[in-house]
Structures are given as C-alpha cells and as structure tokens.
Amino acid sequence: MVAKTSPFVFALALALNVSQSLHSQSGPSGPDRVIVHNGCKGQNASFFFSYINIYRDEVLSPRLLSQGDTTIRGDYIIATSQPVIIIFSADFTPYPVYAEPGDTINVSCHKDRPRYTFTGNRNRDELNFLVRMEKQFGFTFPDLGGLRMTNQLDLANYADSNRKKFEEKDIYLRRNADSLKLSPEYVNTISTLLKYRYVNNLLRPYFTKQSSQFEWVKIPKTYDEKLQEILLHTKVGEREFWSSQLFSLVVNYNRFLAKDSLIKYPNREFEVLFESAEKHFEGIAKDYILLKLIKEFHNKGIKDMTTYVQRYKSMAHRADFANYVDALLIKINEDLPKAALATELKNTKGQSITFDHIIQQNQGRIIYIDFWASWCGPCIQEMPGAKSLEEKLIKEPVSFVYISIDRSNDLWLKAIDKHQLNCEKCEHYVLDDKSELAKYFTIPPIPCYLLVDKSGKVAASNAPRPSDPVLMEKVRGMLK
C-alpha cells in the first residue's frame, strides 16, 4: 500500500537498536531522573516548565511558588531514562535546557532578562547554551513554521531557506564550542537535534493535510528526490535518544512513505499508517509510531480498534507501552465515575455547580472543554485559535466550556477579560486540581481538551488543540 522502502528506514532502525544498548551500558550515571530545583527568591520565584515524556505526553510542572522572601524550595522530579529538552517559560519567552538523567538543574530568577539562568552538576554553559541560541536564532519552535502550505509556495526556495537556517545554527554551535568549553558529546547531540528539525521541516509538505490549496500530487519530483537523498544520509549517532525532534521525524517519514495510499484511501488514514509502520519500521521506531497512531485515533470511532491494539501489544518491545494503550482503551469504554461527575466547580459568580450538571445543561449540544490557567503559557497561546473556532461555529449547537485550575480568583477573572474569552456560547468555571475530576483526566498537565458528544458521553479525552485543523473536522463529523 506504500512506496518502496528507502534504505534510510533500515539504517535508522539498526542504529536505534544499537544506540539503545550503548546508552544503557555507557550512559550518564545516577538515577533515572532529572531534578529541577527552585533556587529563586521573592516575587520572581514563580515559574513553570514543560517537557515531553516517553509516552509523548506534554507534561507541565505545577507552579513553584514563594511566599514573601522565603522561598518554598521544592524539588520537581522528572522520571526519565532518556535525555529531555525542558522548556522554561516567562512572558511567553521560552528558555530551553538540555538535560540528561542524573542532572540537577538549579533555577535562578531575575527581574530583567534573561529571567532565568541555570546551574547544576555539569557545565553551566551547556545548561545555558540553548537559551543563547534561542535569543540569537530561535530553537524551541520550528523554522518557517508560520508559512502556509499552498501549491503556490516555491518549495525549492522553502528547502533552501530551511537549509540556511540549519547551517547558521550549526555554525554558531561549533564556533562557540571551544570558548564555552562545550563537550564534543554535547556539540554532537545538539547538532543532531538541529539536523532532525531541519529534515522534519522538509517533510512538512508531506504531512500537511490535503486541501483545495495544497495537494501532494503537485509537489515537484525534484523536491521529492532531494528529500530522499537527505533522508538517506540522516544517521543516528551513538548518543542517540528519543527527542521530540527524532520522534516527529520518524512519524512524519512514515506518512511520507504512505503518501500515495493516503491519497488513494483518504478515509482510512489510521489503517494505512498503521500498516505502513508495520511494514517499514523495526524496533523502538515502530513502537513509537504505532503508539502515536493509537493515541491520536483511539477515541475517533475506528472500527476494530481493539484488534489493532492487540496487534500492537503482541509486537511492542516495551511492556509499559502496552500497558499505556490498555489504559487509553479503558477510558473510552467506561462511563465517567460518579465521583468525577459529582465534582463541584465554581462559576464566575462564585456559585457551585457539579460537572454532571454542566454536562446535563448542555444536553443535545457538543461541548468543547478547555482545561487551562492564567499562568499557563501554552494555554494562552491557544486562545486565538479558540476564538477563531467559536466564530466559525457560532450558528452550530456547540458550547465552549473553559475550566481553570487557577487558585487565585482575581487572576482567573482578569485573564478571562484580558484574553476576551467572554463569547456568547462560552462558560467559565474554576476547578480544584486535586479534585476527583482532575485526577480522572490527569489534570494537570494543561492544556488539556475534551470533546463531549450530544448525548453527554466523552467522545475524545485527548481532543485536538483549538489551533489544530483536525479539531474542526472532528466537530463537523460529530454534528452530522
């Protein structure tokens, strides 16, 4: 059902298997965790950060707070056997840090920028280098990510622009390596991450959804051939780990391999991609791709999803991955527990209401639920997308329910006004993040989004974000 396999797939799978054993034997010493230590004092002691865990969930830390001049010196433990990129945030400015298991990161806060600096049990300049790169060239967000994919876009120029951005970052890294005493291993790791992002950007035309403005069949053959050549020479080093860049790369490369079948069978996306991953990938690469597919489609009404899950469990190399997908299925096959339904929330007037009553008063309507907080940067970044969605669905039976986990009513109410969330069909409530409802949906981390169908059943416990075009497709399908 897919194009002939590129040798890159086999080289990637082999290198991954080798690198996994090398990492377990000669990786950094210490426990399988990274410690984030709040070393801030006074008013600037409040911060939060996010990272991607091994199951590809975005995890946001609880906010570390201080009272007066006495800092609550809490340590936050990230359980991980793999290196991670941690994104600290302040005023919508990202502060990325690369960390390995066994690292301790001490966070210092400042009134002026940079808001945070980092020290720890290894080279201070390595801990702060990605912040330098962020300021100079950007690191956290994909290059040229704001470009809209249309058939009028000059793909040759797009490819050349991405190449130049990759090269200028890589040159900056190597030029500063000696003066900052960056280890060869660190330089190699960051350079590899930059390469993965570059290649993943080149794959973007193939994982962009088909539309009237953009069609895969119109991608020039020269672009396809050049991308194949670059993929063929993209190697995985001995210090490899499953960063978000590499994970996205293999997921999108699978879509690239399946592009012809996706055009031929547009209504069988899950099945096509599942079979492509089975056919073209091995080892942990296949594990991750299939895990991503099941996470994305498990609550979208796929016929025989249970059968696909059993196939995955029979071939998965890691028992914890199999247990993870089991937990996903349990949630979509069960009713909400009574304790979760009976959880009380408060509206903007301070009145109490149960979650069950919120569902009941919207019976016959689709409900899009947004778990957020005034201090959550990624939540706020999605608000323009939410407003756009509200405008597009203004005549449809769709309600928008915003549930905040703010502990300060004043900050919560001010954020509602500041971000103009008072639409006609919007409802606002505040929730105790230690309540049974929060525990059931594992809140935090936030943002988290739910879709509830017209009958009051949770149709998607991990719904797409407002900015994701897939959400509109999902809602339109539920309206039929």
Protein backbone atom coordinates (compact mmCIF):
# COMPACT_ATOMS: atom_id res chain seq x y z
CA MET A 1 0.00 0.00 0.00
CA VAL A 2 3.02 2.30 0.23
CA ALA A 3 6.05 3.26 -1.81
CA LYS A 4 9.17 1.09 -1.81
CA THR A 5 11.15 1.36 1.43
CA SER A 6 14.13 3.73 1.50
CA PRO A 7 17.40 2.33 2.92
CA PHE A 8 17.17 5.14 5.47
CA VAL A 9 14.47 3.21 7.35
CA PHE A 10 16.67 0.19 7.83
CA ALA A 11 19.74 2.29 8.73
CA LEU A 12 17.65 4.21 11.24
CA ALA A 13 16.15 1.11 12.83
CA LEU A 14 19.54 -0.63 13.11
CA ALA A 15 21.23 2.43 14.59
CA LEU A 16 18.42 2.88 17.06
CA ASN A 17 18.71 -0.66 18.34
CA VAL A 18 22.49 -0.30 18.69
CA SER A 19 22.24 3.10 20.38
CA GLN A 20 19.72 1.82 22.92
CA SER A 21 22.14 -0.85 24.15
CA LEU A 22 25.08 1.57 24.11
CA HIS A 23 23.14 4.12 26.14
CA SER A 24 22.16 1.60 28.78
CA GLN A 25 25.77 0.47 29.19
CA SER A 26 27.70 3.71 28.97
CA GLY A 27 25.12 6.46 29.55
CA PRO A 28 25.33 9.02 32.35
CA SER A 29 25.50 7.64 35.84
CA GLY A 30 22.88 8.31 38.50
CA PRO A 31 19.19 7.59 38.91
CA ASP A 32 16.69 7.67 36.07
CA ARG A 33 15.58 11.19 36.84
CA VAL A 34 16.30 14.86 36.36
CA ILE A 35 15.89 17.16 39.38
CA VAL A 36 14.65 20.72 38.90
CA HIS A 37 15.48 22.79 41.99
CA ASN A 38 13.71 26.08 42.71
CA GLY A 39 16.56 28.37 43.70
CA CYS A 40 14.53 31.57 43.27
CA LYS A 41 13.56 34.03 45.98
CA GLY A 42 10.98 36.76 46.38
CA GLN A 43 8.46 37.82 43.75
CA ASN A 44 10.38 36.23 40.90
CA ALA A 45 10.26 32.78 42.46
CA SER A 46 7.21 31.70 40.47
CA PHE A 47 7.87 29.73 37.28
CA PHE A 48 6.74 26.71 35.32
CA PHE A 49 8.21 24.48 32.65
CA SER A 50 7.16 21.76 30.23
CA TYR A 51 8.75 18.70 28.68
CA ILE A 52 7.70 15.70 26.61
CA ASN A 53 7.66 12.38 28.44
CA ILE A 54 8.42 8.98 26.97
CA TYR A 55 4.76 8.40 26.05
CA ARG A 56 4.71 11.62 24.04
CA ASP A 57 2.51 13.43 26.58
CA GLU A 58 3.30 17.08 27.14
CA VAL A 59 3.86 17.50 30.88
CA LEU A 60 3.61 20.88 32.59
CA SER A 61 5.07 21.24 36.05
CA PRO A 62 3.00 22.56 38.92
CA ARG A 63 3.96 26.15 39.54
CA LEU A 64 6.78 26.54 42.07
CA LEU A 65 5.84 29.42 44.35
CA SER A 66 7.29 31.56 47.10
CA GLN A 67 5.69 33.42 49.99
CA GLY A 68 7.24 36.80 50.68
CA ASP A 69 11.02 36.48 50.83
CA THR A 70 11.01 32.86 51.95
CA THR A 71 11.20 30.51 49.01
CA ILE A 72 9.39 27.20 49.11
CA ARG A 73 12.38 25.20 47.97
CA GLY A 74 10.59 22.35 46.33
CA ASP A 75 12.37 19.94 44.03
CA TYR A 76 10.49 18.71 40.97
CA ILE A 77 11.49 15.22 39.86
CA ILE A 78 11.30 14.28 36.18
CA ALA A 79 11.38 10.49 35.98
CA THR A 80 13.21 9.71 32.75
CA SER A 81 15.75 7.23 31.45
CA GLN A 82 16.34 9.40 28.36
CA PRO A 83 17.67 12.96 27.96
CA VAL A 84 14.95 15.60 27.68
CA ILE A 85 14.56 19.15 26.44
CA ILE A 86 12.87 21.17 29.21
CA ILE A 87 11.22 24.44 28.21
CA PHE A 88 11.03 27.01 30.99
CA SER A 89 8.73 29.94 30.28
CA ALA A 90 8.34 33.60 31.23
CA ASP A 91 6.32 36.30 29.48
CA PHE A 92 5.84 33.95 26.52
CA THR A 93 9.63 33.70 26.10
CA PRO A 94 10.99 30.13 26.07
CA TYR A 95 14.14 29.16 27.96
CA PRO A 96 15.14 25.68 26.70
CA VAL A 97 17.55 23.41 28.57
CA TYR A 98 19.01 20.06 27.53
CA ALA A 99 19.24 17.65 30.48
CA GLU A 100 20.35 14.06 30.94
CA PRO A 101 19.33 11.51 33.62
CA GLY A 102 21.30 12.25 36.79
CA ASP A 103 21.35 16.03 36.18
CA THR A 104 20.25 18.57 38.76
CA ILE A 105 19.15 21.94 37.39
CA ASN A 106 19.15 24.87 39.80
CA VAL A 107 16.91 27.67 38.53
CA SER A 108 17.78 31.28 39.39
CA CYS A 109 15.25 34.06 38.69
CA HIS A 110 15.96 37.68 37.76
CA LYS A 111 13.86 40.82 37.43
CA ASP A 112 15.24 41.59 33.99
CA ARG A 113 16.02 39.36 31.04
CA PRO A 114 17.22 36.75 30.99
CA ARG A 115 14.54 35.89 33.53
CA TYR A 116 16.18 32.53 34.30
CA THR A 117 19.72 31.22 34.45
CA PHE A 118 20.69 27.64 35.17
CA THR A 119 23.43 25.93 37.13
CA GLY A 120 23.86 22.31 38.11
CA ASN A 121 26.15 19.35 38.38
CA ARG A 122 27.69 19.90 34.97
CA ASN A 123 28.96 22.66 32.66
CA ARG A 124 26.97 25.84 33.31
CA ASP A 125 27.49 26.99 29.72
CA GLU A 126 25.96 23.78 28.40
CA LEU A 127 22.89 24.29 30.58
CA ASN A 128 22.50 27.86 29.28
CA PHE A 129 23.60 27.40 25.67
CA LEU A 130 20.15 26.72 24.18
CA VAL A 131 18.89 29.94 25.77
CA ARG A 132 21.67 31.78 23.94
CA MET A 133 20.70 30.08 20.70
CA GLU A 134 17.02 30.85 21.31
CA LYS A 135 17.82 34.55 21.61
CA GLN A 136 20.08 34.54 18.55
CA PHE A 137 18.25 32.29 16.07
CA GLY A 138 15.34 30.58 17.82
CA PHE A 139 15.43 26.94 18.91
CA THR A 140 12.10 25.99 20.51
CA PHE A 141 9.75 26.47 17.58
CA PRO A 142 10.14 25.01 14.06
CA ASP A 143 11.78 27.25 11.46
CA LEU A 144 9.40 28.76 8.90
CA GLY A 145 6.55 27.12 10.84
CA GLY A 146 4.26 30.06 10.13
CA LEU A 147 4.42 29.52 6.38
CA ARG A 148 1.15 28.27 4.95
CA MET A 149 1.46 25.29 2.64
CA THR A 150 -0.14 26.04 -0.72
CA ASN A 151 0.66 24.88 -4.24
CA GLN A 152 1.83 28.44 -4.97
CA LEU A 153 4.66 28.10 -2.42
CA ASP A 154 8.11 27.88 -4.02
CA LEU A 155 9.27 24.59 -2.48
CA ALA A 156 12.80 24.94 -3.84
CA ASN A 157 13.14 28.25 -2.00
CA TYR A 158 11.47 26.73 1.08
CA ALA A 159 14.05 23.91 1.12
CA ASP A 160 16.95 26.33 0.63
CA SER A 161 15.72 28.64 3.42
CA ASN A 162 15.48 25.71 5.84
CA ARG A 163 18.97 24.54 4.88
CA LYS A 164 20.42 28.01 5.55
CA LYS A 165 18.70 28.24 8.94
CA PHE A 166 20.07 24.83 9.92
CA GLU A 167 23.58 25.74 8.79
CA GLU A 168 23.69 29.10 10.61
CA LYS A 169 22.66 27.43 13.89
CA ASP A 170 25.13 24.59 13.44
CA ILE A 171 27.95 27.04 12.66
CA TYR A 172 27.03 29.10 15.73
CA LEU A 173 27.15 25.96 17.87
CA ARG A 174 30.57 24.85 16.65
CA ARG A 175 32.03 28.36 16.67
CA ASN A 176 31.20 28.72 20.38
CA ALA A 177 32.18 25.19 21.39
CA ASP A 178 35.76 25.99 22.44
CA SER A 179 35.15 29.33 24.18
CA LEU A 180 32.26 27.88 26.20
CA LYS A 181 34.04 24.55 26.81
CA LEU A 182 31.14 22.58 25.33
CA SER A 183 31.96 18.87 25.35
CA PRO A 184 32.23 17.05 21.99
CA GLU A 185 29.30 14.85 23.09
CA TYR A 186 27.13 17.89 23.80
CA VAL A 187 28.03 19.54 20.47
CA ASN A 188 27.25 16.32 18.62
CA THR A 189 23.90 15.93 20.40
CA ILE A 190 22.70 19.49 19.74
CA SER A 191 23.92 19.36 16.13
CA THR A 192 21.95 16.13 15.66
CA LEU A 193 18.81 17.72 17.11
CA LEU A 194 19.18 20.63 14.70
CA LYS A 195 19.56 18.20 11.79
CA TYR A 196 16.40 16.34 12.80
CA ARG A 197 14.44 19.57 12.92
CA TYR A 198 15.77 20.58 9.51
CA VAL A 199 14.81 17.26 7.91
CA ASN A 200 11.43 17.27 9.64
CA ASN A 201 10.75 20.74 8.22
CA LEU A 202 11.49 19.39 4.74
CA LEU A 203 8.96 16.62 5.36
CA ARG A 204 6.28 19.15 6.23
CA PRO A 205 4.70 19.28 2.73
CA TYR A 206 4.01 15.55 3.04
CA PHE A 207 2.42 15.58 6.48
CA THR A 208 0.35 18.70 5.74
CA LYS A 209 -3.21 17.58 5.19
CA GLN A 210 -4.59 17.51 1.66
CA SER A 211 -6.75 20.54 0.89
CA SER A 212 -8.01 22.59 -2.01
CA GLN A 213 -4.98 24.87 -1.50
CA PHE A 214 -2.39 22.11 -1.25
CA GLU A 215 -2.11 18.69 -2.93
CA TRP A 216 0.72 16.22 -2.56
CA VAL A 217 0.45 15.13 -6.20
CA LYS A 218 1.62 18.61 -7.26
CA ILE A 219 4.89 18.51 -5.31
CA PRO A 220 7.71 18.72 -7.89
CA LYS A 221 9.60 15.49 -8.49
CA THR A 222 12.90 17.31 -7.90
CA TYR A 223 11.83 18.16 -4.33
CA ASP A 224 10.90 14.54 -3.66
CA GLU A 225 14.24 13.28 -4.98
CA LYS A 226 16.26 15.81 -2.98
CA LEU A 227 14.38 14.92 0.21
CA GLN A 228 15.02 11.21 -0.37
CA GLU A 229 18.74 11.94 -0.71
CA ILE A 230 18.84 13.93 2.54
CA LEU A 231 16.87 11.24 4.38
CA LEU A 232 19.30 8.60 3.15
CA HIS A 233 22.21 10.49 4.75
CA THR A 234 20.46 11.24 8.03
CA LYS A 235 22.17 8.98 10.53
CA VAL A 236 21.55 8.26 14.18
CA GLY A 237 24.63 8.63 16.40
CA GLU A 238 25.75 6.55 19.36
CA ARG A 239 24.45 9.17 21.81
CA GLU A 240 21.01 8.95 20.26
CA PHE A 241 17.87 9.38 22.31
CA TRP A 242 14.19 9.82 21.63
CA SER A 243 13.88 13.57 21.48
CA SER A 244 10.72 15.19 20.19
CA GLN A 245 12.63 16.05 17.01
CA LEU A 246 13.53 12.44 16.22
CA PHE A 247 10.11 11.16 17.17
CA SER A 248 8.40 13.65 14.86
CA LEU A 249 10.88 12.75 12.13
CA VAL A 250 10.07 9.01 12.08
CA VAL A 251 6.31 9.63 12.45
CA ASN A 252 6.32 12.03 9.51
CA TYR A 253 8.65 9.84 7.47
CA ASN A 254 6.10 7.06 7.85
CA ARG A 255 3.46 9.43 6.46
CA PHE A 256 5.82 10.29 3.60
CA LEU A 257 6.18 6.58 2.73
CA ALA A 258 2.40 6.16 2.82
CA LYS A 259 1.54 9.32 0.88
CA ASP A 260 0.25 7.57 -2.25
CA SER A 261 -2.01 5.26 -0.24
CA LEU A 262 -3.28 8.18 1.85
CA ILE A 263 -4.37 9.89 -1.37
CA LYS A 264 -5.97 6.68 -2.63
CA TYR A 265 -7.73 5.86 0.67
CA PRO A 266 -8.43 9.26 2.31
CA ASN A 267 -10.96 7.79 4.76
CA ARG A 268 -8.63 5.06 6.04
CA GLU A 269 -5.81 7.19 7.41
CA PHE A 270 -5.31 5.17 10.60
CA GLU A 271 -5.29 1.80 8.84
CA VAL A 272 -2.93 2.99 6.07
CA LEU A 273 -0.41 4.49 8.50
CA PHE A 274 -0.59 1.51 10.88
CA GLU A 275 0.18 -0.96 8.09
CA SER A 276 2.94 1.28 6.71
CA ALA A 277 4.68 1.38 10.11
CA GLU A 278 4.38 -2.40 10.46
CA LYS A 279 5.93 -2.88 7.04
CA HIS A 280 8.75 -0.32 7.02
CA PHE A 281 9.99 0.07 10.59
CA GLU A 282 11.50 -2.12 13.27
CA GLY A 283 12.28 -1.94 16.99
CA ILE A 284 11.59 1.15 19.03
CA ALA A 285 10.92 3.23 15.89
CA LYS A 286 7.88 1.08 15.13
CA ASP A 287 6.82 1.11 18.79
CA TYR A 288 6.71 4.88 18.89
CA ILE A 289 4.95 5.38 15.56
CA LEU A 290 2.19 2.92 16.45
CA LEU A 291 1.86 4.37 19.96
CA LYS A 292 1.36 7.81 18.40
CA LEU A 293 -1.28 6.46 15.99
CA ILE A 294 -3.24 4.73 18.74
CA LYS A 295 -3.09 7.83 20.94
CA GLU A 296 -4.31 10.02 18.08
CA PHE A 297 -7.12 7.76 16.85
CA HIS A 298 -8.18 5.67 19.87
CA ASN A 299 -11.23 7.81 20.56
CA LYS A 300 -12.21 8.62 16.98
CA GLY A 301 -14.51 5.68 16.31
CA ILE A 302 -12.06 3.48 14.36
CA LYS A 303 -13.64 0.12 13.53
CA ASP A 304 -11.84 -2.81 15.22
CA MET A 305 -9.58 -0.51 17.26
CA THR A 306 -9.37 -3.22 19.92
CA THR A 307 -7.95 -5.61 17.32
CA TYR A 308 -5.30 -3.08 16.30
CA VAL A 309 -4.36 -2.55 19.93
CA GLN A 310 -3.91 -6.30 20.37
CA ARG A 311 -1.67 -6.38 17.29
CA TYR A 312 0.38 -3.57 18.77
CA LYS A 313 0.70 -5.27 22.15
CA SER A 314 1.85 -8.50 20.50
CA MET A 315 4.74 -6.73 18.74
CA ALA A 316 5.65 -3.92 21.20
CA HIS A 317 9.16 -4.19 22.63
CA ARG A 318 8.23 -2.41 25.87
CA ALA A 319 5.64 -3.69 28.33
CA ASP A 320 4.97 -0.17 29.67
CA PHE A 321 3.87 0.95 26.19
CA ALA A 322 1.40 -1.95 26.05
CA ASN A 323 0.06 -1.02 29.49
CA TYR A 324 -0.27 2.61 28.38
CA VAL A 325 -2.54 1.77 25.43
CA ASP A 326 -4.59 -0.52 27.66
CA ALA A 327 -5.30 2.46 29.91
CA LEU A 328 -6.38 4.51 26.89
CA LEU A 329 -8.94 1.88 25.90
CA ILE A 330 -10.34 1.61 29.41
CA LYS A 331 -11.16 5.32 29.45
CA ILE A 332 -13.06 5.31 26.18
CA ASN A 333 -15.07 2.21 27.09
CA GLU A 334 -16.27 3.31 30.51
CA ASP A 335 -18.68 5.91 31.83
CA LEU A 336 -17.31 8.71 33.94
CA PRO A 337 -17.09 7.62 37.57
CA LYS A 338 -19.69 9.07 39.94
CA ALA A 339 -17.04 10.88 41.98
CA ALA A 340 -15.83 12.73 38.89
CA LEU A 341 -19.37 13.64 37.83
CA ALA A 342 -20.16 14.86 41.36
CA THR A 343 -17.10 17.14 41.49
CA GLU A 344 -18.10 20.70 42.27
CA LEU A 345 -16.80 23.66 40.30
CA LYS A 346 -17.50 27.36 40.74
CA ASN A 347 -18.67 29.81 38.12
CA THR A 348 -17.60 33.44 37.78
CA LYS A 349 -20.25 34.48 40.33
CA GLY A 350 -18.88 32.07 42.94
CA GLN A 351 -21.81 29.67 42.62
CA SER A 352 -21.17 25.92 42.90
CA ILE A 353 -22.15 23.50 40.14
CA THR A 354 -21.32 19.83 39.56
CA PHE A 355 -19.60 18.60 36.44
CA ASP A 356 -22.61 16.36 35.82
CA HIS A 357 -24.91 19.40 35.83
CA ILE A 358 -22.65 21.19 33.33
CA ILE A 359 -22.99 18.19 31.01
CA GLN A 360 -26.74 17.94 31.55
CA GLN A 361 -27.44 21.62 30.86
CA ASN A 362 -25.67 21.25 27.51
CA GLN A 363 -27.54 18.08 26.51
CA GLY A 364 -28.11 17.99 22.76
CA ARG A 365 -25.02 20.12 22.14
CA ILE A 366 -21.38 19.26 21.51
CA ILE A 367 -19.16 20.53 24.33
CA TYR A 368 -15.54 21.52 23.82
CA ILE A 369 -13.85 21.66 27.22
CA ASP A 370 -10.59 23.56 27.71
CA PHE A 371 -8.65 22.93 30.95
CA TRP A 372 -6.35 25.93 31.41
CA ALA A 373 -4.93 28.51 33.85
CA SER A 374 -3.97 32.18 33.68
CA TRP A 375 -0.28 31.30 34.25
CA CYS A 376 -0.09 28.58 31.59
CA GLY A 377 1.78 29.93 28.55
CA PRO A 378 0.83 27.12 26.13
CA CYS A 379 -2.83 27.51 27.20
CA ILE A 380 -2.83 31.23 26.43
CA GLN A 381 -1.10 30.67 23.08
CA GLU A 382 -4.12 28.59 22.00
CA MET A 383 -6.70 31.26 22.87
CA PRO A 384 -6.66 33.00 19.43
CA GLY A 385 -7.36 29.59 17.87
CA ALA A 386 -10.23 29.07 20.31
CA LYS A 387 -11.76 32.45 19.42
CA SER A 388 -11.49 31.64 15.71
CA LEU A 389 -13.20 28.29 16.31
CA GLU A 390 -16.01 29.96 18.25
CA GLU A 391 -16.64 32.36 15.37
CA LYS A 392 -16.73 29.58 12.78
CA LEU A 393 -19.21 27.53 14.85
CA ILE A 394 -21.34 30.39 16.12
CA LYS A 395 -24.50 29.04 14.43
CA GLU A 396 -23.87 25.42 15.42
CA PRO A 397 -25.01 23.61 18.61
CA VAL A 398 -21.54 23.74 20.17
CA SER A 399 -20.69 25.03 23.66
CA PHE A 400 -17.26 26.12 24.82
CA VAL A 401 -16.52 25.34 28.47
CA TYR A 402 -13.35 26.78 29.99
CA ILE A 403 -12.27 25.13 33.24
CA SER A 404 -9.41 26.86 35.02
CA ILE A 405 -7.23 25.39 37.78
CA ASP A 406 -6.22 28.85 38.99
CA ARG A 407 -6.04 29.19 42.76
CA SER A 408 -6.49 32.96 42.58
CA ASN A 409 -9.98 34.07 41.54
CA ASP A 410 -8.71 37.56 40.72
CA LEU A 411 -6.05 36.29 38.30
CA TRP A 412 -8.58 33.92 36.73
CA LEU A 413 -11.22 36.61 36.16
CA LYS A 414 -8.67 39.11 34.88
CA ALA A 415 -7.34 36.54 32.40
CA ILE A 416 -10.86 35.91 31.05
CA ASP A 417 -11.22 39.62 30.28
CA LYS A 418 -7.65 40.09 29.06
CA HIS A 419 -7.91 37.28 26.51
CA GLN A 420 -11.51 38.14 25.53
CA LEU A 421 -12.98 34.75 26.40
CA ASN A 422 -16.49 36.04 27.11
CA CYS A 423 -18.17 34.76 23.97
CA GLU A 424 -21.93 34.19 23.84
CA LYS A 425 -21.54 30.40 23.98
CA CYS A 426 -18.67 30.34 26.50
CA GLU A 427 -18.97 29.06 30.06
CA HIS A 428 -16.31 29.58 32.72
CA TYR A 429 -15.60 27.53 35.83
CA VAL A 430 -12.74 27.05 38.26
CA LEU A 431 -11.68 23.61 39.48
CA ASP A 432 -9.61 22.30 42.36
CA ASP A 433 -6.70 20.49 40.70
CA LYS A 434 -6.80 17.86 43.48
CA SER A 435 -10.48 17.00 42.87
CA GLU A 436 -11.70 13.63 41.59
CA LEU A 437 -12.49 15.16 38.19
CA ALA A 438 -8.95 16.49 37.85
CA LYS A 439 -7.50 13.15 38.92
CA TYR A 440 -9.62 11.24 36.41
CA PHE A 441 -8.45 13.35 33.47
CA THR A 442 -4.91 13.67 34.96
CA ILE A 443 -5.14 17.45 35.30
CA PRO A 444 -2.51 18.93 35.39
CA PRO A 445 -0.76 18.81 32.93
CA ILE A 446 -2.53 21.52 31.00
CA PRO A 447 -3.66 22.50 28.48
CA CYS A 448 -5.98 19.54 28.10
CA TYR A 449 -9.03 19.41 25.85
CA LEU A 450 -12.15 17.22 25.85
CA LEU A 451 -14.96 16.73 23.38
CA VAL A 452 -18.35 15.65 24.73
CA ASP A 453 -20.99 14.49 22.24
CA LYS A 454 -24.66 15.45 22.14
CA SER A 455 -25.63 12.52 24.38
CA GLY A 456 -23.24 13.67 27.13
CA LYS A 457 -20.58 11.00 26.50
CA VAL A 458 -16.89 11.90 26.35
CA ALA A 459 -16.05 11.42 22.66
CA ALA A 460 -12.40 12.47 22.94
CA SER A 461 -10.46 12.65 26.21
CA ASN A 462 -7.40 13.99 24.40
CA ALA A 463 -9.04 16.22 21.80
CA PRO A 464 -7.02 18.32 19.34
CA ARG A 465 -5.99 21.82 20.35
CA PRO A 466 -8.01 24.79 19.00
CA SER A 467 -5.27 25.67 16.50
CA ASP A 468 -5.26 22.13 15.04
CA PRO A 469 -7.36 21.91 11.81
CA VAL A 470 -8.19 18.31 12.78
CA LEU A 471 -10.44 19.67 15.55
CA MET A 472 -12.81 21.36 13.10
CA GLU A 473 -13.03 18.14 11.07
CA LYS A 474 -13.81 16.19 14.25
CA VAL A 475 -16.52 18.64 15.35
CA ARG A 476 -18.10 18.75 11.89
CA GLY A 477 -18.24 14.96 11.89
CA MET A 478 -19.97 14.94 15.28
CA LEU A 479 -22.53 17.49 14.08
CA LYS A 480 -23.78 15.19 11.30
